[in-house]
Amino acid sequence: MSLNERVKVTIRCNSCGERFILRGRKEKGKIDTGFKQCICNNVNDFDIEAHDF
């Protein structure tokens, strides 16, 4: 595993059910996609799954 591993991230909002599929980077055990909030203004309640490319 490299330091900046690219991953495919699926984010599902638990408030409205909207689903987002993004690309991100895994650095030091954390995943960064730049995602801030859902279109329903939810900022905390998500299911997040990461998949390697």
Protein backbone atom coordinates (compact mmCIF):
# COMPACT_ATOMS: atom_id res chain seq x y z
CA MET A 1 0.00 0.00 0.00
CA SER A 2 1.38 3.39 -0.97
CA LEU A 3 1.01 6.54 1.07
CA ASN A 4 -1.53 8.10 -1.32
CA GLU A 5 -3.65 5.16 -2.36
CA ARG A 6 -6.63 6.00 -4.61
CA VAL A 7 -9.95 4.51 -3.57
CA LYS A 8 -13.53 4.49 -4.85
CA VAL A 9 -15.89 5.73 -2.12
CA THR A 10 -19.63 5.17 -1.89
CA ILE A 11 -21.42 7.56 0.47
CA ARG A 12 -25.10 7.00 1.32
CA CYS A 13 -27.10 9.58 3.27
CA ASN A 14 -29.13 8.01 6.07
CA SER A 15 -31.53 11.00 6.14
CA CYS A 16 -32.76 11.11 2.54
CA GLY A 17 -31.21 8.00 0.93
CA GLU A 18 -29.18 9.90 -1.69
CA ARG A 19 -26.07 8.03 -2.88
CA PHE A 20 -22.78 9.54 -4.03
CA ILE A 21 -19.90 7.67 -5.72
CA LEU A 22 -16.61 9.53 -5.50
CA ARG A 23 -12.88 9.01 -5.91
CA GLY A 24 -10.68 9.77 -2.96
CA ARG A 25 -7.26 9.27 -1.46
CA LYS A 26 -6.43 7.15 1.54
CA GLU A 27 -3.71 8.78 3.63
CA LYS A 28 -2.59 7.51 7.04
CA GLY A 29 -5.78 5.51 7.51
CA LYS A 30 -8.12 8.40 6.66
CA ILE A 31 -10.07 8.81 3.43
CA ASP A 32 -10.32 12.27 1.84
CA THR A 33 -12.86 12.91 -0.93
CA GLY A 34 -13.68 16.57 -0.31
CA PHE A 35 -17.31 15.62 0.44
CA LYS A 36 -18.88 18.05 2.94
CA GLN A 37 -22.68 17.56 3.05
CA CYS A 38 -25.65 16.00 1.31
CA ILE A 39 -28.15 17.96 -0.77
CA CYS A 40 -30.60 17.64 2.16
CA ASN A 41 -28.08 19.59 4.35
CA ASN A 42 -27.12 16.48 6.36
CA VAL A 43 -23.48 16.71 7.49
CA ASN A 44 -23.15 13.79 9.95
CA ASP A 45 -25.34 10.75 9.26
CA PHE A 46 -23.72 8.72 6.42
CA ASP A 47 -22.77 5.15 5.52
CA ILE A 48 -19.33 5.23 3.90
CA GLU A 49 -17.71 2.33 2.02
CA ALA A 50 -14.26 2.42 0.41
CA HIS A 51 -13.17 0.10 -2.41
CA ASP A 52 -9.70 -0.17 -3.95
CA PHE A 53 -9.35 0.55 -7.67
